[in-house]
Protein backbone atom coordinates (compact mmCIF):
# COMPACT_ATOMS: atom_id res chain seq x y z
CA MET A 1 -38.92 185.62 -49.44
CA LYS A 2 -39.40 183.53 -52.50
CA ARG A 3 -37.14 180.66 -53.09
CA ARG A 4 -36.10 180.13 -56.54
CA PRO A 5 -35.51 176.18 -57.57
CA ARG A 6 -32.48 174.43 -57.50
CA GLY A 7 -31.85 172.07 -60.00
CA ARG A 8 -30.61 168.70 -59.20
CA PRO A 9 -26.20 168.09 -58.23
CA VAL A 10 -23.86 167.52 -60.39
CA ARG A 11 -20.52 166.39 -59.72
CA HIS A 12 -17.14 167.12 -61.54
CA CYS A 13 -13.78 166.10 -60.74
CA PRO A 14 -11.22 168.27 -59.20
CA GLN A 15 -8.21 167.76 -61.68
CA CYS A 16 -10.19 168.25 -65.01
CA GLY A 17 -13.58 169.70 -64.17
CA SER A 18 -15.37 166.34 -66.12
CA THR A 19 -18.78 165.17 -65.02
CA ASP A 20 -17.69 161.57 -65.98
CA LEU A 21 -17.35 159.52 -63.04
CA THR A 22 -18.29 156.61 -61.85
CA ILE A 23 -18.41 155.58 -58.52
CA VAL A 24 -15.69 152.70 -57.48
CA GLY A 25 -16.15 152.60 -53.50
CA GLY A 26 -18.98 152.58 -50.34
CA MET A 27 -20.38 151.40 -47.73
CA ILE A 28 -17.49 151.60 -44.35
CA MET A 29 -14.23 152.74 -47.41
CA GLY A 30 -17.10 155.97 -48.40
CA GLN A 31 -17.90 157.12 -51.48
CA VAL A 32 -14.88 156.93 -53.69
CA TYR A 33 -15.24 157.76 -57.35
CA HIS A 34 -12.77 157.24 -61.23
CA CYS A 35 -13.16 160.38 -63.84
CA GLN A 36 -12.77 158.14 -66.39
CA LYS A 37 -11.22 161.56 -68.58
CA CYS A 38 -8.23 161.74 -66.58
CA ASP A 39 -7.83 158.54 -64.51
CA TYR A 40 -8.25 160.91 -60.93
CA VAL A 41 -9.58 158.52 -58.30
CA GLY A 42 -10.53 159.74 -54.60
CA SER A 43 -13.04 160.56 -52.78
CA LEU A 44 -12.99 164.74 -53.24
CA VAL A 45 -15.13 165.52 -55.89
CA LEU A 46 -16.61 169.02 -56.57
CA GLU A 47 -20.37 169.71 -56.69
CA THR A 48 -23.21 171.75 -58.07
CA ASP A 49 -26.44 172.45 -59.30
CA ALA A 50 -27.98 171.49 -62.60
CA PRO A 51 -30.03 175.01 -63.64
CA ALA A 52 -33.77 173.52 -63.15
CA SER A 53 -35.32 172.74 -66.54
CA PRO A 54 -38.89 174.98 -66.88
CA ASP A 55 -40.61 171.63 -66.11
CA GLU A 56 -39.30 171.71 -62.42
CA ARG A 57 -40.29 175.35 -61.44
């Protein structure tokens, strides 16, 4: 079975779907993200794979 190439992971805000996230906490607390569009702050984010570029195939 041939595997298809995976793209890089992209994180999305669970409230508005934006990819404009910054990490505001980490280490002992775990990662905490802040969405620049809707001001969501939390550790839950949605992660998808971006399409692989033709160079990565």
